[in-house]
ModelCIF file with pLDDT and N, C-alpha, C, O atoms, coordinates in Angstrom:
data_MODEL
#
_entry.id   MODEL 
#
_entity.id                         1 
_entity.type                       polymer 
_entity.pdbx_number_of_molecules   1 
#
_entity_poly.entity_id                      1 
_entity_poly.type                           'polypeptide(L)' 
_entity_poly.nstd_linkage                   no 
_entity_poly.nstd_monomer                   no 
_entity_poly.pdbx_seq_one_letter_code       TIRTRFDKTDKRKVVVLCGKGKNGGDGFVAARKLQENGYDVRVF 
_entity_poly.pdbx_seq_one_letter_code_can   TIRTRFDKTDKRKVVVLCGKGKNGGDGFVAARKLQENGYDVRVF 
_entity_poly.pdbx_strand_id                 A 
#
loop_
_entity_poly_seq.entity_id 
_entity_poly_seq.num 
_entity_poly_seq.mon_id 
_entity_poly_seq.hetero 
1 1  THR n 
1 2  ILE n 
1 3  ARG n 
1 4  THR n 
1 5  ARG n 
1 6  PHE n 
1 7  ASP n 
1 8  LYS n 
1 9  THR n 
1 10 ASP n 
1 11 LYS n 
1 12 ARG n 
1 13 LYS n 
1 14 VAL n 
1 15 VAL n 
1 16 VAL n 
1 17 LEU n 
1 18 CYS n 
1 19 GLY n 
1 20 LYS n 
1 21 GLY n 
1 22 LYS n 
1 23 ASN n 
1 24 GLY n 
1 25 GLY n 
1 26 ASP n 
1 27 GLY n 
1 28 PHE n 
1 29 VAL n 
1 30 ALA n 
1 31 ALA n 
1 32 ARG n 
1 33 LYS n 
1 34 LEU n 
1 35 GLN n 
1 36 GLU n 
1 37 ASN n 
1 38 GLY n 
1 39 TYR n 
1 40 ASP n 
1 41 VAL n 
1 42 ARG n 
1 43 VAL n 
1 44 PHE n 
#
_struct_asym.id          A 
_struct_asym.entity_id   1 
#
loop_
_ma_qa_metric.id 
_ma_qa_metric.mode 
_ma_qa_metric.name 
_ma_qa_metric.software_group_id 
_ma_qa_metric.type 
1 global pLDDT . pLDDT 
2 local  pLDDT . pLDDT 
#
_ma_qa_metric_global.metric_id      1 
_ma_qa_metric_global.metric_value   97.00 
_ma_qa_metric_global.model_id       1 
_ma_qa_metric_global.ordinal_id     1 
#
loop_
_ma_qa_metric_local.label_asym_id 
_ma_qa_metric_local.label_comp_id 
_ma_qa_metric_local.label_seq_id 
_ma_qa_metric_local.metric_id 
_ma_qa_metric_local.metric_value 
_ma_qa_metric_local.model_id 
_ma_qa_metric_local.ordinal_id 
A THR 1  2 98.00 1 1  
A ILE 2  2 98.00 1 2  
A ARG 3  2 98.00 1 3  
A THR 4  2 97.00 1 4  
A ARG 5  2 97.00 1 5  
A PHE 6  2 97.00 1 6  
A ASP 7  2 96.00 1 7  
A LYS 8  2 95.00 1 8  
A THR 9  2 96.00 1 9  
A ASP 10 2 96.00 1 10 
A LYS 11 2 96.00 1 11 
A ARG 12 2 95.00 1 12 
A LYS 13 2 97.00 1 13 
A VAL 14 2 98.00 1 14 
A VAL 15 2 98.00 1 15 
A VAL 16 2 98.00 1 16 
A LEU 17 2 98.00 1 17 
A CYS 18 2 98.00 1 18 
A GLY 19 2 97.00 1 19 
A LYS 20 2 96.00 1 20 
A GLY 21 2 96.00 1 21 
A LYS 22 2 96.00 1 22 
A ASN 23 2 97.00 1 23 
A GLY 24 2 97.00 1 24 
A GLY 25 2 97.00 1 25 
A ASP 26 2 98.00 1 26 
A GLY 27 2 98.00 1 27 
A PHE 28 2 98.00 1 28 
A VAL 29 2 98.00 1 29 
A ALA 30 2 98.00 1 30 
A ALA 31 2 98.00 1 31 
A ARG 32 2 97.00 1 32 
A LYS 33 2 97.00 1 33 
A LEU 34 2 98.00 1 34 
A GLN 35 2 96.00 1 35 
A GLU 36 2 95.00 1 36 
A ASN 37 2 96.00 1 37 
A GLY 38 2 95.00 1 38 
A TYR 39 2 97.00 1 39 
A ASP 40 2 97.00 1 40 
A VAL 41 2 97.00 1 41 
A ARG 42 2 97.00 1 42 
A VAL 43 2 98.00 1 43 
A PHE 44 2 98.00 1 44 
#
loop_
_atom_site.group_PDB 
_atom_site.id 
_atom_site.type_symbol 
_atom_site.label_atom_id 
_atom_site.label_alt_id 
_atom_site.label_comp_id 
_atom_site.label_asym_id 
_atom_site.label_entity_id 
_atom_site.label_seq_id 
_atom_site.pdbx_PDB_ins_code 
_atom_site.Cartn_x 
_atom_site.Cartn_y 
_atom_site.Cartn_z 
_atom_site.occupancy 
_atom_site.B_iso_or_equiv 
_atom_site.pdbx_formal_charge 
_atom_site.auth_seq_id 
_atom_site.auth_comp_id 
_atom_site.auth_asym_id 
_atom_site.auth_atom_id 
_atom_site.pdbx_PDB_model_num 
ATOM 1   N N  . THR A 1 1  ? 115.563 101.296 109.482 1.00 98.00 ? 1  THR A N  1 
ATOM 2   C CA . THR A 1 1  ? 115.918 100.308 110.578 1.00 98.00 ? 1  THR A CA 1 
ATOM 3   C C  . THR A 1 1  ? 115.210 98.442  109.978 1.00 98.00 ? 1  THR A C  1 
ATOM 4   O O  . THR A 1 1  ? 115.582 97.308  110.278 1.00 98.00 ? 1  THR A O  1 
ATOM 5   N N  . ILE A 1 2  ? 114.041 98.980  109.012 1.00 98.00 ? 2  ILE A N  1 
ATOM 6   C CA . ILE A 1 2  ? 113.808 97.330  107.921 1.00 98.00 ? 2  ILE A CA 1 
ATOM 7   C C  . ILE A 1 2  ? 114.647 97.095  106.888 1.00 98.00 ? 2  ILE A C  1 
ATOM 8   O O  . ILE A 1 2  ? 114.803 95.984  106.381 1.00 98.00 ? 2  ILE A O  1 
ATOM 9   N N  . ARG A 1 3  ? 115.268 98.217  106.509 1.00 98.00 ? 3  ARG A N  1 
ATOM 10  C CA . ARG A 1 3  ? 116.474 97.338  105.924 1.00 98.00 ? 3  ARG A CA 1 
ATOM 11  C C  . ARG A 1 3  ? 117.987 97.165  106.562 1.00 98.00 ? 3  ARG A C  1 
ATOM 12  O O  . ARG A 1 3  ? 118.876 96.481  106.053 1.00 98.00 ? 3  ARG A O  1 
ATOM 13  N N  . THR A 1 4  ? 118.069 97.761  107.516 1.00 97.00 ? 4  THR A N  1 
ATOM 14  C CA . THR A 1 4  ? 118.966 96.412  108.678 1.00 97.00 ? 4  THR A CA 1 
ATOM 15  C C  . THR A 1 4  ? 118.835 95.069  108.455 1.00 97.00 ? 4  THR A C  1 
ATOM 16  O O  . THR A 1 4  ? 119.903 94.461  108.396 1.00 97.00 ? 4  THR A O  1 
ATOM 17  N N  . ARG A 1 5  ? 117.726 94.362  108.300 1.00 97.00 ? 5  ARG A N  1 
ATOM 18  C CA . ARG A 1 5  ? 117.056 93.933  108.679 1.00 97.00 ? 5  ARG A CA 1 
ATOM 19  C C  . ARG A 1 5  ? 116.932 92.592  107.152 1.00 97.00 ? 5  ARG A C  1 
ATOM 20  O O  . ARG A 1 5  ? 117.059 91.370  107.065 1.00 97.00 ? 5  ARG A O  1 
ATOM 21  N N  . PHE A 1 6  ? 116.700 93.438  106.435 1.00 97.00 ? 6  PHE A N  1 
ATOM 22  C CA . PHE A 1 6  ? 116.161 92.876  104.207 1.00 97.00 ? 6  PHE A CA 1 
ATOM 23  C C  . PHE A 1 6  ? 116.968 93.313  103.856 1.00 97.00 ? 6  PHE A C  1 
ATOM 24  O O  . PHE A 1 6  ? 117.711 92.389  104.188 1.00 97.00 ? 6  PHE A O  1 
ATOM 25  N N  . ASP A 1 7  ? 117.660 94.040  103.380 1.00 96.00 ? 7  ASP A N  1 
ATOM 26  C CA . ASP A 1 7  ? 119.353 94.598  102.323 1.00 96.00 ? 7  ASP A CA 1 
ATOM 27  C C  . ASP A 1 7  ? 119.958 93.169  101.924 1.00 96.00 ? 7  ASP A C  1 
ATOM 28  O O  . ASP A 1 7  ? 120.185 92.716  100.802 1.00 96.00 ? 7  ASP A O  1 
ATOM 29  N N  . LYS A 1 8  ? 120.234 92.348  103.744 1.00 95.00 ? 8  LYS A N  1 
ATOM 30  C CA . LYS A 1 8  ? 121.029 91.470  102.800 1.00 95.00 ? 8  LYS A CA 1 
ATOM 31  C C  . LYS A 1 8  ? 120.169 90.580  101.922 1.00 95.00 ? 8  LYS A C  1 
ATOM 32  O O  . LYS A 1 8  ? 120.822 90.036  101.031 1.00 95.00 ? 8  LYS A O  1 
ATOM 33  N N  . THR A 1 9  ? 118.713 90.252  101.942 1.00 96.00 ? 9  THR A N  1 
ATOM 34  C CA . THR A 1 9  ? 118.593 89.167  101.757 1.00 96.00 ? 9  THR A CA 1 
ATOM 35  C C  . THR A 1 9  ? 117.689 89.584  100.313 1.00 96.00 ? 9  THR A C  1 
ATOM 36  O O  . THR A 1 9  ? 117.715 90.686  99.765  1.00 96.00 ? 9  THR A O  1 
ATOM 37  N N  . ASP A 1 10 ? 116.956 88.474  99.911  1.00 96.00 ? 10 ASP A N  1 
ATOM 38  C CA . ASP A 1 10 ? 116.075 88.338  98.489  1.00 96.00 ? 10 ASP A CA 1 
ATOM 39  C C  . ASP A 1 10 ? 115.000 89.348  98.745  1.00 96.00 ? 10 ASP A C  1 
ATOM 40  O O  . ASP A 1 10 ? 114.457 89.823  97.747  1.00 96.00 ? 10 ASP A O  1 
ATOM 41  N N  . LYS A 1 11 ? 114.470 89.889  100.336 1.00 96.00 ? 11 LYS A N  1 
ATOM 42  C CA . LYS A 1 11 ? 112.809 89.988  100.602 1.00 96.00 ? 11 LYS A CA 1 
ATOM 43  C C  . LYS A 1 11 ? 112.933 91.473  100.025 1.00 96.00 ? 11 LYS A C  1 
ATOM 44  O O  . LYS A 1 11 ? 113.649 92.385  100.438 1.00 96.00 ? 11 LYS A O  1 
ATOM 45  N N  . ARG A 1 12 ? 112.108 91.463  99.043  1.00 95.00 ? 12 ARG A N  1 
ATOM 46  C CA . ARG A 1 12 ? 112.100 93.035  98.070  1.00 95.00 ? 12 ARG A CA 1 
ATOM 47  C C  . ARG A 1 12 ? 110.408 93.500  97.532  1.00 95.00 ? 12 ARG A C  1 
ATOM 48  O O  . ARG A 1 12 ? 110.171 94.304  96.631  1.00 95.00 ? 12 ARG A O  1 
ATOM 49  N N  . LYS A 1 13 ? 109.485 92.833  98.267  1.00 97.00 ? 13 LYS A N  1 
ATOM 50  C CA . LYS A 1 13 ? 108.266 92.610  97.691  1.00 97.00 ? 13 LYS A CA 1 
ATOM 51  C C  . LYS A 1 13 ? 107.256 93.331  98.986  1.00 97.00 ? 13 LYS A C  1 
ATOM 52  O O  . LYS A 1 13 ? 106.935 92.737  100.016 1.00 97.00 ? 13 LYS A O  1 
ATOM 53  N N  . VAL A 1 14 ? 106.810 94.972  98.565  1.00 98.00 ? 14 VAL A N  1 
ATOM 54  C CA . VAL A 1 14 ? 107.131 95.443  100.337 1.00 98.00 ? 14 VAL A CA 1 
ATOM 55  C C  . VAL A 1 14 ? 105.324 96.541  100.050 1.00 98.00 ? 14 VAL A C  1 
ATOM 56  O O  . VAL A 1 14 ? 105.052 97.431  99.244  1.00 98.00 ? 14 VAL A O  1 
ATOM 57  N N  . VAL A 1 15 ? 104.668 96.008  100.926 1.00 98.00 ? 15 VAL A N  1 
ATOM 58  C CA . VAL A 1 15 ? 102.803 96.393  100.748 1.00 98.00 ? 15 VAL A CA 1 
ATOM 59  C C  . VAL A 1 15 ? 103.007 97.131  101.642 1.00 98.00 ? 15 VAL A C  1 
ATOM 60  O O  . VAL A 1 15 ? 103.671 96.576  102.518 1.00 98.00 ? 15 VAL A O  1 
ATOM 61  N N  . VAL A 1 16 ? 102.484 99.238  102.097 1.00 98.00 ? 16 VAL A N  1 
ATOM 62  C CA . VAL A 1 16 ? 101.511 99.545  103.391 1.00 98.00 ? 16 VAL A CA 1 
ATOM 63  C C  . VAL A 1 16 ? 101.315 99.571  102.650 1.00 98.00 ? 16 VAL A C  1 
ATOM 64  O O  . VAL A 1 16 ? 101.432 99.421  101.434 1.00 98.00 ? 16 VAL A O  1 
ATOM 65  N N  . LEU A 1 17 ? 100.707 99.940  103.905 1.00 98.00 ? 17 LEU A N  1 
ATOM 66  C CA . LEU A 1 17 ? 99.428  100.341 104.005 1.00 98.00 ? 17 LEU A CA 1 
ATOM 67  C C  . LEU A 1 17 ? 98.735  101.180 104.583 1.00 98.00 ? 17 LEU A C  1 
ATOM 68  O O  . LEU A 1 17 ? 97.872  100.666 105.295 1.00 98.00 ? 17 LEU A O  1 
ATOM 69  N N  . CYS A 1 18 ? 98.758  102.655 104.570 1.00 98.00 ? 18 CYS A N  1 
ATOM 70  C CA . CYS A 1 18 ? 99.001  103.618 104.639 1.00 98.00 ? 18 CYS A CA 1 
ATOM 71  C C  . CYS A 1 18 ? 97.230  104.340 105.295 1.00 98.00 ? 18 CYS A C  1 
ATOM 72  O O  . CYS A 1 18 ? 96.184  104.095 104.693 1.00 98.00 ? 18 CYS A O  1 
ATOM 73  N N  . GLY A 1 19 ? 97.282  105.118 106.451 1.00 97.00 ? 19 GLY A N  1 
ATOM 74  C CA . GLY A 1 19 ? 95.415  106.028 106.748 1.00 97.00 ? 19 GLY A CA 1 
ATOM 75  C C  . GLY A 1 19 ? 95.946  107.380 105.915 1.00 97.00 ? 19 GLY A C  1 
ATOM 76  O O  . GLY A 1 19 ? 96.891  107.435 105.127 1.00 97.00 ? 19 GLY A O  1 
ATOM 77  N N  . LYS A 1 20 ? 95.055  108.441 106.331 1.00 96.00 ? 20 LYS A N  1 
ATOM 78  C CA . LYS A 1 20 ? 95.024  109.224 106.364 1.00 96.00 ? 20 LYS A CA 1 
ATOM 79  C C  . LYS A 1 20 ? 95.418  110.595 107.254 1.00 96.00 ? 20 LYS A C  1 
ATOM 80  O O  . LYS A 1 20 ? 95.376  111.766 106.875 1.00 96.00 ? 20 LYS A O  1 
ATOM 81  N N  . GLY A 1 21 ? 95.763  110.127 108.395 1.00 96.00 ? 21 GLY A N  1 
ATOM 82  C CA . GLY A 1 21 ? 96.699  110.639 108.958 1.00 96.00 ? 21 GLY A CA 1 
ATOM 83  C C  . GLY A 1 21 ? 98.047  110.543 109.452 1.00 96.00 ? 21 GLY A C  1 
ATOM 84  O O  . GLY A 1 21 ? 98.645  109.967 108.544 1.00 96.00 ? 21 GLY A O  1 
ATOM 85  N N  . LYS A 1 22 ? 98.750  110.750 110.253 1.00 96.00 ? 22 LYS A N  1 
ATOM 86  C CA . LYS A 1 22 ? 100.091 111.694 110.664 1.00 96.00 ? 22 LYS A CA 1 
ATOM 87  C C  . LYS A 1 22 ? 100.636 110.183 109.927 1.00 96.00 ? 22 LYS A C  1 
ATOM 88  O O  . LYS A 1 22 ? 101.161 109.895 108.852 1.00 96.00 ? 22 LYS A O  1 
ATOM 89  N N  . ASN A 1 23 ? 100.193 109.414 111.151 1.00 97.00 ? 23 ASN A N  1 
ATOM 90  C CA . ASN A 1 23 ? 101.157 107.566 110.876 1.00 97.00 ? 23 ASN A CA 1 
ATOM 91  C C  . ASN A 1 23 ? 100.759 106.699 108.618 1.00 97.00 ? 23 ASN A C  1 
ATOM 92  O O  . ASN A 1 23 ? 101.018 105.617 108.092 1.00 97.00 ? 23 ASN A O  1 
ATOM 93  N N  . GLY A 1 24 ? 100.235 107.691 108.235 1.00 97.00 ? 24 GLY A N  1 
ATOM 94  C CA . GLY A 1 24 ? 100.047 107.315 106.933 1.00 97.00 ? 24 GLY A CA 1 
ATOM 95  C C  . GLY A 1 24 ? 101.129 108.317 106.277 1.00 97.00 ? 24 GLY A C  1 
ATOM 96  O O  . GLY A 1 24 ? 101.708 107.859 105.291 1.00 97.00 ? 24 GLY A O  1 
ATOM 97  N N  . GLY A 1 25 ? 101.426 109.417 106.622 1.00 97.00 ? 25 GLY A N  1 
ATOM 98  C CA . GLY A 1 25 ? 102.733 109.413 106.653 1.00 97.00 ? 25 GLY A CA 1 
ATOM 99  C C  . GLY A 1 25 ? 103.681 109.570 106.727 1.00 97.00 ? 25 GLY A C  1 
ATOM 100 O O  . GLY A 1 25 ? 104.390 110.114 105.880 1.00 97.00 ? 25 GLY A O  1 
ATOM 101 N N  . ASP A 1 26 ? 104.031 109.109 107.853 1.00 98.00 ? 26 ASP A N  1 
ATOM 102 C CA . ASP A 1 26 ? 105.519 108.028 108.513 1.00 98.00 ? 26 ASP A CA 1 
ATOM 103 C C  . ASP A 1 26 ? 105.838 107.041 107.037 1.00 98.00 ? 26 ASP A C  1 
ATOM 104 O O  . ASP A 1 26 ? 106.876 106.799 106.421 1.00 98.00 ? 26 ASP A O  1 
ATOM 105 N N  . GLY A 1 27 ? 103.884 106.489 106.772 1.00 98.00 ? 27 GLY A N  1 
ATOM 106 C CA . GLY A 1 27 ? 103.900 105.329 106.073 1.00 98.00 ? 27 GLY A CA 1 
ATOM 107 C C  . GLY A 1 27 ? 104.488 105.712 105.018 1.00 98.00 ? 27 GLY A C  1 
ATOM 108 O O  . GLY A 1 27 ? 105.331 104.823 104.903 1.00 98.00 ? 27 GLY A O  1 
ATOM 109 N N  . PHE A 1 28 ? 104.737 106.812 103.661 1.00 98.00 ? 28 PHE A N  1 
ATOM 110 C CA . PHE A 1 28 ? 104.859 107.261 103.208 1.00 98.00 ? 28 PHE A CA 1 
ATOM 111 C C  . PHE A 1 28 ? 105.894 107.235 101.964 1.00 98.00 ? 28 PHE A C  1 
ATOM 112 O O  . PHE A 1 28 ? 106.192 106.829 100.840 1.00 98.00 ? 28 PHE A O  1 
ATOM 113 N N  . VAL A 1 29 ? 106.260 108.192 103.379 1.00 98.00 ? 29 VAL A N  1 
ATOM 114 C CA . VAL A 1 29 ? 108.100 109.309 103.621 1.00 98.00 ? 29 VAL A CA 1 
ATOM 115 C C  . VAL A 1 29 ? 109.090 106.989 103.793 1.00 98.00 ? 29 VAL A C  1 
ATOM 116 O O  . VAL A 1 29 ? 110.282 106.882 103.503 1.00 98.00 ? 29 VAL A O  1 
ATOM 117 N N  . ALA A 1 30 ? 108.528 106.083 104.108 1.00 98.00 ? 30 ALA A N  1 
ATOM 118 C CA . ALA A 1 30 ? 109.429 105.147 104.024 1.00 98.00 ? 30 ALA A CA 1 
ATOM 119 C C  . ALA A 1 30 ? 108.772 104.456 102.983 1.00 98.00 ? 30 ALA A C  1 
ATOM 120 O O  . ALA A 1 30 ? 109.333 103.390 102.730 1.00 98.00 ? 30 ALA A O  1 
ATOM 121 N N  . ALA A 1 31 ? 107.929 104.655 102.398 1.00 98.00 ? 31 ALA A N  1 
ATOM 122 C CA . ALA A 1 31 ? 107.674 103.933 101.366 1.00 98.00 ? 31 ALA A CA 1 
ATOM 123 C C  . ALA A 1 31 ? 108.412 103.853 100.391 1.00 98.00 ? 31 ALA A C  1 
ATOM 124 O O  . ALA A 1 31 ? 108.889 102.892 99.788  1.00 98.00 ? 31 ALA A O  1 
ATOM 125 N N  . ARG A 1 32 ? 108.540 105.832 100.165 1.00 97.00 ? 32 ARG A N  1 
ATOM 126 C CA . ARG A 1 32 ? 109.246 106.347 98.953  1.00 97.00 ? 32 ARG A CA 1 
ATOM 127 C C  . ARG A 1 32 ? 111.158 106.164 99.523  1.00 97.00 ? 32 ARG A C  1 
ATOM 128 O O  . ARG A 1 32 ? 112.041 106.204 98.666  1.00 97.00 ? 32 ARG A O  1 
ATOM 129 N N  . LYS A 1 33 ? 111.436 106.009 100.761 1.00 97.00 ? 33 LYS A N  1 
ATOM 130 C CA . LYS A 1 33 ? 112.833 105.875 100.911 1.00 97.00 ? 33 LYS A CA 1 
ATOM 131 C C  . LYS A 1 33 ? 113.038 103.679 100.705 1.00 97.00 ? 33 LYS A C  1 
ATOM 132 O O  . LYS A 1 33 ? 114.014 103.034 100.322 1.00 97.00 ? 33 LYS A O  1 
ATOM 133 N N  . LEU A 1 34 ? 112.448 103.476 100.900 1.00 98.00 ? 34 LEU A N  1 
ATOM 134 C CA . LEU A 1 34 ? 112.739 101.949 100.720 1.00 98.00 ? 34 LEU A CA 1 
ATOM 135 C C  . LEU A 1 34 ? 112.940 101.769 98.797  1.00 98.00 ? 34 LEU A C  1 
ATOM 136 O O  . LEU A 1 34 ? 113.909 101.378 98.147  1.00 98.00 ? 34 LEU A O  1 
ATOM 137 N N  . GLN A 1 35 ? 111.388 102.311 98.295  1.00 96.00 ? 35 GLN A N  1 
ATOM 138 C CA . GLN A 1 35 ? 111.297 102.439 96.847  1.00 96.00 ? 35 GLN A CA 1 
ATOM 139 C C  . GLN A 1 35 ? 113.559 102.616 96.612  1.00 96.00 ? 35 GLN A C  1 
ATOM 140 O O  . GLN A 1 35 ? 114.469 101.959 96.106  1.00 96.00 ? 35 GLN A O  1 
ATOM 141 N N  . GLU A 1 36 ? 113.358 104.102 97.480  1.00 95.00 ? 36 GLU A N  1 
ATOM 142 C CA . GLU A 1 36 ? 114.722 104.390 96.614  1.00 95.00 ? 36 GLU A CA 1 
ATOM 143 C C  . GLU A 1 36 ? 116.269 103.528 96.677  1.00 95.00 ? 36 GLU A C  1 
ATOM 144 O O  . GLU A 1 36 ? 117.246 103.628 95.935  1.00 95.00 ? 36 GLU A O  1 
ATOM 145 N N  . ASN A 1 37 ? 115.993 102.516 98.077  1.00 96.00 ? 37 ASN A N  1 
ATOM 146 C CA . ASN A 1 37 ? 116.411 101.383 97.180  1.00 96.00 ? 37 ASN A CA 1 
ATOM 147 C C  . ASN A 1 37 ? 116.969 100.387 97.101  1.00 96.00 ? 37 ASN A C  1 
ATOM 148 O O  . ASN A 1 37 ? 117.767 99.787  97.821  1.00 96.00 ? 37 ASN A O  1 
ATOM 149 N N  . GLY A 1 38 ? 116.214 100.098 95.555  1.00 95.00 ? 38 GLY A N  1 
ATOM 150 C CA . GLY A 1 38 ? 116.153 98.749  95.817  1.00 95.00 ? 38 GLY A CA 1 
ATOM 151 C C  . GLY A 1 38 ? 114.198 97.901  95.691  1.00 95.00 ? 38 GLY A C  1 
ATOM 152 O O  . GLY A 1 38 ? 113.754 97.051  94.920  1.00 95.00 ? 38 GLY A O  1 
ATOM 153 N N  . TYR A 1 39 ? 113.660 98.534  96.636  1.00 97.00 ? 39 TYR A N  1 
ATOM 154 C CA . TYR A 1 39 ? 112.514 97.331  97.050  1.00 97.00 ? 39 TYR A CA 1 
ATOM 155 C C  . TYR A 1 39 ? 111.525 97.471  95.778  1.00 97.00 ? 39 TYR A C  1 
ATOM 156 O O  . TYR A 1 39 ? 111.624 98.279  94.855  1.00 97.00 ? 39 TYR A O  1 
ATOM 157 N N  . ASP A 1 40 ? 110.597 96.526  95.963  1.00 97.00 ? 40 ASP A N  1 
ATOM 158 C CA . ASP A 1 40 ? 109.776 96.829  95.248  1.00 97.00 ? 40 ASP A CA 1 
ATOM 159 C C  . ASP A 1 40 ? 108.514 97.097  95.862  1.00 97.00 ? 40 ASP A C  1 
ATOM 160 O O  . ASP A 1 40 ? 107.829 96.212  96.373  1.00 97.00 ? 40 ASP A O  1 
ATOM 161 N N  . VAL A 1 41 ? 108.148 98.488  95.812  1.00 97.00 ? 41 VAL A N  1 
ATOM 162 C CA . VAL A 1 41 ? 106.999 99.410  96.891  1.00 97.00 ? 41 VAL A CA 1 
ATOM 163 C C  . VAL A 1 41 ? 105.787 98.817  96.062  1.00 97.00 ? 41 VAL A C  1 
ATOM 164 O O  . VAL A 1 41 ? 105.745 98.433  94.893  1.00 97.00 ? 41 VAL A O  1 
ATOM 165 N N  . ARG A 1 42 ? 104.631 98.876  97.230  1.00 97.00 ? 42 ARG A N  1 
ATOM 166 C CA . ARG A 1 42 ? 103.005 99.399  96.219  1.00 97.00 ? 42 ARG A CA 1 
ATOM 167 C C  . ARG A 1 42 ? 102.270 99.626  97.791  1.00 97.00 ? 42 ARG A C  1 
ATOM 168 O O  . ARG A 1 42 ? 102.159 98.791  98.688  1.00 97.00 ? 42 ARG A O  1 
ATOM 169 N N  . VAL A 1 43 ? 101.874 100.889 97.772  1.00 98.00 ? 43 VAL A N  1 
ATOM 170 C CA . VAL A 1 43 ? 101.163 101.501 99.018  1.00 98.00 ? 43 VAL A CA 1 
ATOM 171 C C  . VAL A 1 43 ? 99.340  101.017 98.618  1.00 98.00 ? 43 VAL A C  1 
ATOM 172 O O  . VAL A 1 43 ? 99.218  100.545 97.487  1.00 98.00 ? 43 VAL A O  1 
ATOM 173 N N  . PHE A 1 44 ? 98.291  101.096 99.284  1.00 98.00 ? 44 PHE A N  1 
ATOM 174 C CA . PHE A 1 44 ? 97.194  100.795 99.220  1.00 98.00 ? 44 PHE A CA 1 
ATOM 175 C C  . PHE A 1 44 ? 96.512  101.927 100.639 1.00 98.00 ? 44 PHE A C  1 
ATOM 176 O O  . PHE A 1 44 ? 95.313  101.913 100.918 1.00 98.00 ? 44 PHE A O  1 
#
C-alpha cells in the first residue's frame, strides 16, 4: 500500500517505529519488504 503511493516518487527515506507486540511484528515485515524494494529503511 505504501509503495503504490511512493514508488514513482523520489521519497525513499523511511523510519519504522516498532512496538514489542504483534503490531511491531507487522512493522518489521513492512520494513523488510520496503528495504527489498529499494527504500532506505531504519527501525526504531
